[in-house]
N, C-alpha and C. Protein backbone atom coordinates (compact mmCIF):
# COMPACT_ATOMS: atom_id res chain seq x y z
N MET A 1 0.03 -47.96 67.60
CA MET A 1 -0.28 -49.29 67.12
C MET A 1 -1.67 -49.30 66.47
N MET A 2 -2.62 -48.62 67.11
CA MET A 2 -3.99 -48.59 66.59
C MET A 2 -4.03 -47.89 65.23
N LYS A 3 -3.23 -46.82 65.07
CA LYS A 3 -3.18 -46.07 63.82
C LYS A 3 -2.65 -46.94 62.68
N LYS A 4 -1.59 -47.71 62.94
CA LYS A 4 -1.02 -48.59 61.93
C LYS A 4 -2.01 -49.68 61.53
N THR A 5 -2.73 -50.22 62.50
CA THR A 5 -3.73 -51.25 62.21
C THR A 5 -4.85 -50.68 61.35
N PHE A 6 -5.30 -49.47 61.67
CA PHE A 6 -6.35 -48.83 60.88
C PHE A 6 -5.91 -48.68 59.42
N TRP A 7 -4.70 -48.15 59.19
CA TRP A 7 -4.22 -47.93 57.83
C TRP A 7 -3.99 -49.24 57.10
N ALA A 8 -3.55 -50.28 57.80
CA ALA A 8 -3.37 -51.58 57.16
C ALA A 8 -4.71 -52.15 56.72
N VAL A 9 -5.72 -52.05 57.57
CA VAL A 9 -7.05 -52.55 57.22
C VAL A 9 -7.64 -51.72 56.08
N ALA A 10 -7.45 -50.39 56.12
CA ALA A 10 -7.96 -49.52 55.04
C ALA A 10 -7.31 -49.85 53.71
N LEU A 11 -6.01 -50.09 53.70
CA LEU A 11 -5.29 -50.44 52.48
C LEU A 11 -5.75 -51.79 51.93
N ILE A 12 -5.93 -52.77 52.80
CA ILE A 12 -6.42 -54.08 52.36
C ILE A 12 -7.83 -53.97 51.80
N ALA A 13 -8.69 -53.20 52.46
CA ALA A 13 -10.07 -53.03 51.98
C ALA A 13 -10.10 -52.34 50.62
N LEU A 14 -9.29 -51.29 50.44
CA LEU A 14 -9.24 -50.60 49.16
C LEU A 14 -8.72 -51.52 48.06
N THR A 15 -7.69 -52.28 48.34
CA THR A 15 -7.15 -53.23 47.37
C THR A 15 -8.20 -54.27 47.00
N GLN A 16 -8.92 -54.77 47.99
CA GLN A 16 -9.99 -55.74 47.73
C GLN A 16 -11.09 -55.12 46.88
N LEU A 17 -11.46 -53.89 47.18
CA LEU A 17 -12.50 -53.20 46.41
C LEU A 17 -12.10 -53.03 44.96
N ILE A 18 -10.86 -52.61 44.73
CA ILE A 18 -10.39 -52.36 43.37
C ILE A 18 -10.26 -53.65 42.57
N THR A 19 -9.71 -54.70 43.17
CA THR A 19 -9.40 -55.91 42.41
C THR A 19 -10.54 -56.90 42.31
N SER A 20 -11.49 -56.90 43.26
CA SER A 20 -12.53 -57.93 43.21
C SER A 20 -13.91 -57.40 42.86
N ALA A 21 -14.09 -56.10 42.85
CA ALA A 21 -15.40 -55.55 42.49
C ALA A 21 -15.67 -55.82 41.02
N PRO A 22 -16.95 -55.95 40.63
CA PRO A 22 -17.25 -56.19 39.22
C PRO A 22 -16.70 -55.10 38.32
N GLU A 23 -16.58 -53.87 38.85
CA GLU A 23 -16.09 -52.79 38.03
C GLU A 23 -14.61 -52.89 37.72
N ALA A 24 -13.86 -53.72 38.45
CA ALA A 24 -12.43 -53.84 38.18
C ALA A 24 -12.17 -54.57 36.87
N SER A 25 -13.10 -55.43 36.46
CA SER A 25 -12.85 -56.21 35.25
C SER A 25 -13.80 -55.89 34.11
N ALA A 26 -14.86 -55.17 34.36
CA ALA A 26 -15.81 -54.83 33.30
C ALA A 26 -15.99 -53.32 33.27
N ALA A 27 -15.46 -52.68 32.26
CA ALA A 27 -15.41 -51.21 32.22
C ALA A 27 -16.78 -50.56 32.17
N SER A 28 -17.00 -49.60 33.07
CA SER A 28 -18.23 -48.83 33.03
C SER A 28 -18.16 -47.77 31.94
N ARG A 29 -17.01 -47.62 31.28
CA ARG A 29 -16.89 -46.67 30.18
C ARG A 29 -17.80 -47.07 29.02
N ALA A 30 -18.21 -48.33 28.96
CA ALA A 30 -19.10 -48.78 27.89
C ALA A 30 -20.54 -48.35 28.14
N THR A 31 -20.91 -48.12 29.41
CA THR A 31 -22.30 -47.76 29.72
C THR A 31 -22.48 -46.31 30.12
N LYS A 32 -21.49 -45.72 30.77
CA LYS A 32 -21.54 -44.31 31.17
C LYS A 32 -20.62 -43.55 30.22
N LYS A 33 -21.20 -42.92 29.22
CA LYS A 33 -20.41 -42.37 28.11
C LYS A 33 -20.04 -40.90 28.24
N ILE A 34 -20.92 -40.05 28.76
CA ILE A 34 -20.69 -38.61 28.77
C ILE A 34 -20.32 -38.16 30.18
N GLY A 35 -19.24 -37.39 30.28
CA GLY A 35 -18.78 -36.95 31.59
C GLY A 35 -18.42 -35.48 31.64
N LEU A 36 -18.57 -34.91 32.83
CA LEU A 36 -18.16 -33.55 33.13
C LEU A 36 -17.12 -33.63 34.24
N SER A 37 -16.04 -32.87 34.12
CA SER A 37 -15.00 -32.95 35.15
C SER A 37 -14.35 -31.61 35.42
N ILE A 38 -13.70 -31.54 36.57
CA ILE A 38 -12.91 -30.39 36.98
C ILE A 38 -11.48 -30.89 37.12
N GLY A 39 -10.55 -30.17 36.50
CA GLY A 39 -9.15 -30.58 36.56
C GLY A 39 -8.29 -29.53 37.24
N LEU A 40 -7.26 -30.02 37.90
CA LEU A 40 -6.30 -29.14 38.54
C LEU A 40 -4.94 -29.34 37.88
N LEU A 41 -4.41 -28.31 37.25
CA LEU A 41 -3.10 -28.21 36.61
C LEU A 41 -3.00 -28.82 35.22
N THR A 42 -3.63 -29.94 34.94
CA THR A 42 -3.40 -30.59 33.65
C THR A 42 -4.64 -30.84 32.81
N GLU A 43 -5.79 -30.58 33.31
CA GLU A 43 -7.00 -30.93 32.56
C GLU A 43 -7.85 -29.70 32.36
N PRO A 44 -7.75 -28.91 31.32
CA PRO A 44 -6.85 -29.04 30.18
C PRO A 44 -5.46 -28.50 30.50
N PHE A 45 -4.53 -28.85 29.68
CA PHE A 45 -3.12 -28.51 29.91
C PHE A 45 -2.73 -27.28 29.11
N PRO A 46 -2.08 -26.30 29.66
CA PRO A 46 -1.85 -26.02 31.06
C PRO A 46 -2.95 -25.12 31.63
N SER A 47 -3.34 -25.35 32.84
CA SER A 47 -4.29 -24.48 33.53
C SER A 47 -4.21 -24.78 35.02
N VAL A 48 -4.53 -23.79 35.83
CA VAL A 48 -4.59 -24.03 37.27
C VAL A 48 -5.86 -24.78 37.59
N ILE A 49 -6.97 -24.33 36.99
CA ILE A 49 -8.24 -25.04 37.13
C ILE A 49 -8.91 -25.04 35.77
N GLY A 50 -9.53 -26.17 35.44
CA GLY A 50 -10.18 -26.29 34.15
C GLY A 50 -11.44 -27.11 34.22
N TYR A 51 -12.25 -26.98 33.20
CA TYR A 51 -13.53 -27.69 33.11
C TYR A 51 -13.56 -28.44 31.79
N SER A 52 -13.96 -29.71 31.83
CA SER A 52 -13.91 -30.53 30.63
C SER A 52 -15.21 -31.29 30.42
N LEU A 53 -15.48 -31.54 29.14
CA LEU A 53 -16.57 -32.40 28.70
C LEU A 53 -15.92 -33.58 27.99
N SER A 54 -16.28 -34.79 28.39
CA SER A 54 -15.65 -35.99 27.83
C SER A 54 -16.69 -36.94 27.27
N TYR A 55 -16.25 -37.75 26.32
CA TYR A 55 -17.10 -38.77 25.73
C TYR A 55 -16.29 -40.06 25.57
N ASN A 56 -16.79 -41.15 26.15
CA ASN A 56 -16.16 -42.45 26.02
C ASN A 56 -16.60 -43.06 24.69
N LEU A 57 -15.76 -42.90 23.67
CA LEU A 57 -16.08 -43.40 22.34
C LEU A 57 -16.14 -44.93 22.33
N PHE A 58 -15.16 -45.55 22.98
CA PHE A 58 -15.10 -47.00 23.17
C PHE A 58 -14.69 -47.25 24.62
N LYS A 59 -14.67 -48.53 25.05
CA LYS A 59 -14.23 -48.84 26.40
C LYS A 59 -12.80 -48.39 26.65
N GLN A 60 -11.99 -48.34 25.60
CA GLN A 60 -10.59 -48.01 25.78
C GLN A 60 -10.19 -46.66 25.17
N LEU A 61 -11.17 -45.85 24.76
CA LEU A 61 -10.85 -44.56 24.16
C LEU A 61 -11.81 -43.47 24.64
N ARG A 62 -11.26 -42.40 25.20
CA ARG A 62 -12.05 -41.26 25.68
C ARG A 62 -11.56 -40.00 24.97
N LEU A 63 -12.51 -39.21 24.46
CA LEU A 63 -12.22 -37.91 23.84
C LEU A 63 -12.65 -36.81 24.81
N THR A 64 -11.81 -35.78 24.96
CA THR A 64 -12.09 -34.72 25.93
C THR A 64 -11.82 -33.35 25.31
N ALA A 65 -12.69 -32.39 25.60
CA ALA A 65 -12.49 -30.99 25.23
C ALA A 65 -12.64 -30.16 26.50
N GLY A 66 -11.78 -29.16 26.67
CA GLY A 66 -11.85 -28.40 27.91
C GLY A 66 -11.43 -26.95 27.79
N TYR A 67 -11.77 -26.21 28.84
CA TYR A 67 -11.44 -24.80 28.97
C TYR A 67 -10.81 -24.60 30.35
N GLY A 68 -9.67 -23.90 30.39
CA GLY A 68 -9.01 -23.66 31.66
C GLY A 68 -8.41 -22.27 31.71
N SER A 69 -7.95 -21.88 32.90
CA SER A 69 -7.36 -20.56 33.04
C SER A 69 -6.24 -20.56 34.07
N ILE A 70 -5.37 -19.57 33.89
CA ILE A 70 -4.30 -19.31 34.84
C ILE A 70 -4.33 -17.81 35.12
N SER A 71 -4.52 -17.45 36.37
CA SER A 71 -4.46 -16.05 36.80
C SER A 71 -3.46 -15.99 37.94
N ALA A 72 -2.43 -15.19 37.76
CA ALA A 72 -1.39 -15.09 38.78
C ALA A 72 -0.90 -13.66 38.89
N THR A 73 -0.56 -13.28 40.11
CA THR A 73 0.01 -11.97 40.37
C THR A 73 1.22 -12.16 41.27
N GLY A 74 2.30 -11.54 40.88
CA GLY A 74 3.52 -11.62 41.67
C GLY A 74 4.15 -10.25 41.78
N THR A 75 5.34 -10.21 42.31
CA THR A 75 6.06 -8.95 42.44
C THR A 75 6.41 -8.43 41.05
N GLY A 76 5.73 -7.40 40.63
CA GLY A 76 6.03 -6.75 39.36
C GLY A 76 5.37 -7.36 38.14
N TYR A 77 4.45 -8.30 38.29
CA TYR A 77 3.80 -8.86 37.09
C TYR A 77 2.40 -9.37 37.42
N THR A 78 1.58 -9.45 36.39
CA THR A 78 0.29 -10.15 36.46
C THR A 78 0.16 -10.96 35.17
N ALA A 79 -0.46 -12.11 35.29
CA ALA A 79 -0.66 -12.99 34.13
C ALA A 79 -2.10 -13.48 34.12
N ASP A 80 -2.73 -13.39 32.98
CA ASP A 80 -4.08 -13.91 32.76
C ASP A 80 -4.05 -14.70 31.46
N LEU A 81 -4.10 -16.02 31.57
CA LEU A 81 -4.02 -16.90 30.42
C LEU A 81 -5.25 -17.79 30.35
N THR A 82 -5.65 -18.12 29.13
CA THR A 82 -6.78 -19.00 28.89
C THR A 82 -6.32 -20.16 28.02
N THR A 83 -6.77 -21.37 28.36
CA THR A 83 -6.43 -22.57 27.60
C THR A 83 -7.70 -23.20 27.04
N ILE A 84 -7.67 -23.55 25.77
CA ILE A 84 -8.71 -24.36 25.14
C ILE A 84 -7.98 -25.57 24.57
N ALA A 85 -8.44 -26.77 24.93
CA ALA A 85 -7.68 -27.96 24.56
C ALA A 85 -8.61 -29.13 24.24
N ALA A 86 -8.05 -30.08 23.52
CA ALA A 86 -8.74 -31.35 23.22
C ALA A 86 -7.69 -32.45 23.29
N ASP A 87 -8.11 -33.61 23.81
CA ASP A 87 -7.18 -34.73 23.83
C ASP A 87 -7.93 -36.06 23.77
N ALA A 88 -7.16 -37.11 23.58
CA ALA A 88 -7.68 -38.48 23.54
C ALA A 88 -6.89 -39.31 24.52
N LYS A 89 -7.60 -40.08 25.34
CA LYS A 89 -6.96 -40.99 26.28
C LYS A 89 -7.18 -42.41 25.78
N LEU A 90 -6.10 -43.16 25.67
CA LEU A 90 -6.16 -44.57 25.28
C LEU A 90 -5.85 -45.40 26.51
N PHE A 91 -6.84 -46.16 26.98
CA PHE A 91 -6.67 -46.98 28.17
C PHE A 91 -5.99 -48.28 27.80
N VAL A 92 -4.96 -48.63 28.56
CA VAL A 92 -4.15 -49.81 28.26
C VAL A 92 -4.96 -51.10 28.41
N VAL A 93 -5.84 -51.14 29.40
CA VAL A 93 -6.75 -52.27 29.61
C VAL A 93 -8.16 -51.71 29.71
N ASP A 94 -9.18 -52.54 29.53
CA ASP A 94 -10.55 -52.01 29.57
C ASP A 94 -11.21 -52.19 30.93
N TRP A 95 -10.44 -52.05 31.99
CA TRP A 95 -10.97 -52.07 33.35
C TRP A 95 -11.40 -50.67 33.75
N ASN A 96 -12.20 -50.59 34.81
CA ASN A 96 -12.59 -49.27 35.32
C ASN A 96 -11.40 -48.54 35.94
N PHE A 97 -10.51 -49.26 36.58
CA PHE A 97 -9.30 -48.71 37.19
C PHE A 97 -8.17 -49.07 36.24
N ALA A 98 -7.75 -48.11 35.39
CA ALA A 98 -6.83 -48.46 34.30
C ALA A 98 -5.81 -47.37 34.02
N PRO A 99 -4.60 -47.77 33.65
CA PRO A 99 -3.61 -46.80 33.19
C PRO A 99 -3.94 -46.34 31.78
N PHE A 100 -3.46 -45.14 31.41
CA PHE A 100 -3.72 -44.62 30.07
C PHE A 100 -2.52 -43.83 29.56
N VAL A 101 -2.50 -43.65 28.26
CA VAL A 101 -1.61 -42.70 27.60
C VAL A 101 -2.50 -41.71 26.86
N SER A 102 -2.03 -40.48 26.70
CA SER A 102 -2.88 -39.47 26.05
C SER A 102 -2.06 -38.61 25.10
N ALA A 103 -2.77 -38.05 24.14
CA ALA A 103 -2.19 -37.09 23.20
C ALA A 103 -3.27 -36.07 22.89
N GLY A 104 -2.85 -34.81 22.73
CA GLY A 104 -3.84 -33.78 22.47
C GLY A 104 -3.22 -32.50 21.95
N PHE A 105 -4.07 -31.49 21.86
CA PHE A 105 -3.69 -30.18 21.32
C PHE A 105 -4.18 -29.10 22.28
N SER A 106 -3.32 -28.15 22.62
CA SER A 106 -3.69 -27.03 23.49
C SER A 106 -3.43 -25.70 22.80
N ASN A 107 -4.35 -24.79 22.96
CA ASN A 107 -4.18 -23.42 22.47
C ASN A 107 -4.24 -22.50 23.69
N VAL A 108 -3.16 -21.77 23.94
CA VAL A 108 -3.06 -20.89 25.10
C VAL A 108 -2.97 -19.44 24.61
N SER A 109 -3.79 -18.57 25.20
CA SER A 109 -3.74 -17.15 24.85
C SER A 109 -3.91 -16.32 26.11
N GLY A 110 -3.38 -15.12 26.07
CA GLY A 110 -3.52 -14.27 27.23
C GLY A 110 -2.55 -13.12 27.25
N THR A 111 -2.53 -12.45 28.40
CA THR A 111 -1.72 -11.27 28.57
C THR A 111 -0.87 -11.39 29.83
N ILE A 112 0.38 -10.99 29.69
CA ILE A 112 1.28 -10.89 30.84
C ILE A 112 1.73 -9.44 30.91
N THR A 113 1.52 -8.83 32.05
CA THR A 113 1.86 -7.42 32.24
C THR A 113 2.91 -7.30 33.33
N GLY A 114 3.96 -6.54 33.02
CA GLY A 114 5.03 -6.30 34.00
C GLY A 114 5.11 -4.84 34.34
N THR A 115 5.42 -4.55 35.59
CA THR A 115 5.58 -3.16 36.02
C THR A 115 6.89 -3.01 36.77
N SER A 116 7.44 -1.85 36.68
CA SER A 116 8.66 -1.51 37.42
C SER A 116 8.66 -0.02 37.69
N THR A 117 9.70 0.47 38.34
CA THR A 117 9.78 1.92 38.61
C THR A 117 9.97 2.72 37.32
N ALA A 118 10.47 2.06 36.26
CA ALA A 118 10.67 2.74 34.99
C ALA A 118 9.42 2.75 34.12
N GLY A 119 8.37 2.03 34.51
CA GLY A 119 7.15 1.98 33.72
C GLY A 119 6.64 0.56 33.59
N GLY A 120 5.69 0.36 32.70
CA GLY A 120 5.10 -0.95 32.54
C GLY A 120 5.19 -1.44 31.12
N THR A 121 5.02 -2.73 30.96
CA THR A 121 5.00 -3.34 29.63
C THR A 121 3.96 -4.44 29.63
N SER A 122 3.37 -4.70 28.49
CA SER A 122 2.34 -5.71 28.37
C SER A 122 2.60 -6.57 27.15
N LEU A 123 2.40 -7.85 27.29
CA LEU A 123 2.62 -8.79 26.20
C LEU A 123 1.36 -9.64 26.04
N THR A 124 0.75 -9.57 24.87
CA THR A 124 -0.40 -10.41 24.56
C THR A 124 0.06 -11.42 23.52
N GLN A 125 -0.17 -12.68 23.81
CA GLN A 125 0.37 -13.74 22.96
C GLN A 125 -0.62 -14.89 22.86
N THR A 126 -0.54 -15.61 21.75
CA THR A 126 -1.30 -16.85 21.56
C THR A 126 -0.33 -17.89 21.04
N GLY A 127 -0.44 -19.09 21.58
CA GLY A 127 0.42 -20.18 21.13
C GLY A 127 -0.29 -21.50 21.26
N SER A 128 0.21 -22.49 20.57
CA SER A 128 -0.39 -23.81 20.65
C SER A 128 0.69 -24.86 20.78
N ALA A 129 0.29 -26.03 21.23
CA ALA A 129 1.26 -27.11 21.44
C ALA A 129 0.57 -28.47 21.36
N ILE A 130 1.34 -29.46 20.93
CA ILE A 130 0.92 -30.85 21.01
C ILE A 130 1.31 -31.34 22.40
N VAL A 131 0.40 -32.00 23.08
CA VAL A 131 0.59 -32.42 24.47
C VAL A 131 0.54 -33.94 24.56
N PHE A 132 1.47 -34.52 25.31
CA PHE A 132 1.49 -35.97 25.56
C PHE A 132 1.42 -36.22 27.05
N GLY A 133 0.85 -37.35 27.44
CA GLY A 133 0.75 -37.63 28.86
C GLY A 133 0.44 -39.09 29.15
N GLY A 134 0.26 -39.34 30.41
CA GLY A 134 -0.09 -40.67 30.89
C GLY A 134 -0.55 -40.58 32.32
N GLY A 135 -1.19 -41.64 32.80
CA GLY A 135 -1.67 -41.63 34.17
C GLY A 135 -2.54 -42.81 34.48
N ILE A 136 -3.36 -42.64 35.50
CA ILE A 136 -4.27 -43.69 35.96
C ILE A 136 -5.66 -43.06 36.12
N ASP A 137 -6.69 -43.78 35.68
CA ASP A 137 -8.06 -43.28 35.69
C ASP A 137 -8.96 -44.33 36.33
N TRP A 138 -9.91 -43.87 37.13
CA TRP A 138 -10.87 -44.79 37.76
C TRP A 138 -12.26 -44.24 37.53
N GLN A 139 -13.02 -44.87 36.63
CA GLN A 139 -14.42 -44.52 36.41
C GLN A 139 -15.26 -45.62 37.03
N MET A 140 -15.95 -45.28 38.11
CA MET A 140 -16.73 -46.26 38.86
C MET A 140 -18.07 -46.52 38.19
N ASP A 141 -18.67 -47.67 38.51
CA ASP A 141 -19.95 -48.06 37.91
C ASP A 141 -21.04 -47.02 38.11
N TRP A 142 -21.06 -46.34 39.23
CA TRP A 142 -22.10 -45.37 39.51
C TRP A 142 -21.79 -43.99 38.96
N GLY A 143 -20.64 -43.83 38.25
CA GLY A 143 -20.36 -42.61 37.52
C GLY A 143 -19.21 -41.74 38.00
N LEU A 144 -18.80 -41.86 39.27
CA LEU A 144 -17.71 -41.04 39.76
C LEU A 144 -16.42 -41.37 39.02
N ASN A 145 -15.65 -40.35 38.67
CA ASN A 145 -14.40 -40.52 37.94
C ASN A 145 -13.28 -39.76 38.65
N LEU A 146 -12.16 -40.44 38.92
CA LEU A 146 -10.99 -39.85 39.53
C LEU A 146 -9.78 -40.16 38.67
N GLY A 147 -8.86 -39.23 38.54
CA GLY A 147 -7.68 -39.49 37.74
C GLY A 147 -6.47 -38.70 38.18
N LEU A 148 -5.32 -39.34 38.04
CA LEU A 148 -4.02 -38.70 38.24
C LEU A 148 -3.29 -38.78 36.92
N GLU A 149 -2.63 -37.70 36.51
CA GLU A 149 -1.94 -37.73 35.24
C GLU A 149 -0.70 -36.85 35.26
N TYR A 150 0.12 -37.06 34.25
CA TYR A 150 1.36 -36.30 34.06
C TYR A 150 1.40 -35.94 32.59
N LYS A 151 1.46 -34.64 32.29
CA LYS A 151 1.46 -34.20 30.90
C LYS A 151 2.70 -33.38 30.60
N THR A 152 3.12 -33.43 29.34
CA THR A 152 4.29 -32.68 28.90
C THR A 152 4.05 -32.10 27.51
N ALA A 153 4.65 -30.93 27.26
CA ALA A 153 4.54 -30.27 25.96
C ALA A 153 5.72 -29.34 25.78
N SER A 154 5.93 -28.92 24.55
CA SER A 154 6.94 -27.91 24.25
C SER A 154 6.20 -26.64 23.91
N ILE A 155 6.31 -25.63 24.79
CA ILE A 155 5.60 -24.37 24.60
C ILE A 155 6.63 -23.25 24.49
N GLY A 156 6.62 -22.56 23.37
CA GLY A 156 7.56 -21.46 23.16
C GLY A 156 9.01 -21.89 23.21
N GLY A 157 9.30 -23.10 22.75
CA GLY A 157 10.66 -23.60 22.76
C GLY A 157 11.11 -24.17 24.09
N ASN A 158 10.25 -24.11 25.10
CA ASN A 158 10.57 -24.66 26.43
C ASN A 158 9.73 -25.89 26.70
N SER A 159 10.33 -26.91 27.25
CA SER A 159 9.60 -28.12 27.61
C SER A 159 8.94 -27.91 28.97
N VAL A 160 7.65 -28.21 29.04
CA VAL A 160 6.88 -28.06 30.27
C VAL A 160 6.29 -29.42 30.63
N ALA A 161 6.46 -29.84 31.88
CA ALA A 161 5.90 -31.11 32.36
C ALA A 161 5.25 -30.87 33.71
N ILE A 162 4.00 -31.30 33.86
CA ILE A 162 3.24 -31.01 35.07
C ILE A 162 2.41 -32.23 35.47
N PRO A 163 2.41 -32.59 36.77
CA PRO A 163 1.46 -33.60 37.25
C PRO A 163 0.14 -32.91 37.60
N GLY A 164 -0.96 -33.64 37.53
CA GLY A 164 -2.25 -33.05 37.83
C GLY A 164 -3.27 -34.08 38.31
N PHE A 165 -4.45 -33.58 38.59
CA PHE A 165 -5.54 -34.40 39.14
C PHE A 165 -6.85 -33.92 38.53
N TYR A 166 -7.77 -34.85 38.32
CA TYR A 166 -9.11 -34.48 37.87
C TYR A 166 -10.15 -35.36 38.54
N PHE A 167 -11.36 -34.83 38.66
CA PHE A 167 -12.48 -35.61 39.17
C PHE A 167 -13.74 -35.14 38.47
N GLY A 168 -14.68 -36.06 38.32
CA GLY A 168 -15.91 -35.72 37.62
C GLY A 168 -16.96 -36.79 37.78
N PHE A 169 -17.97 -36.70 36.93
CA PHE A 169 -19.07 -37.65 36.98
C PHE A 169 -19.53 -37.98 35.57
N TYR A 170 -19.82 -39.26 35.33
CA TYR A 170 -20.26 -39.74 34.01
C TYR A 170 -21.72 -40.19 34.09
N PHE A 171 -22.42 -39.94 32.97
CA PHE A 171 -23.84 -40.26 32.87
C PHE A 171 -24.08 -41.28 31.78
């Protein structure tokens, strides 16, 4: 019973904070313009972990450039990929806690190496894709930024869709 009461109070407090704080109705994107962030899976797309530099051009438009990587090893293969990407997020409303849609460009390059008892093979490739997405972003008045997003692209004739998370700080 105590656990349920705690979570109910926490949910009410968070809802109150989001909807009644001055930052809920007046976007801090107008005052805190430059941001640095770390993304997991989608920022930049595709990458396991990535680093981005962003600029809030307007209250409802953010431009982002980033660098990310994917390093994986499995049974019989290794993959080392690098992503360089740029995108634009259009916020549906000019609140600090706001949904967005995004569009961008990703360039992925790297090497995938496979091994077997018959020998090994290596493939070095570079490709690019137009990326679309959407999500929710929260840039607080004091600069902290949190976001959840879902991005999709067609890479090498295959459709790829991934959910992701990012966090950062704006100055």
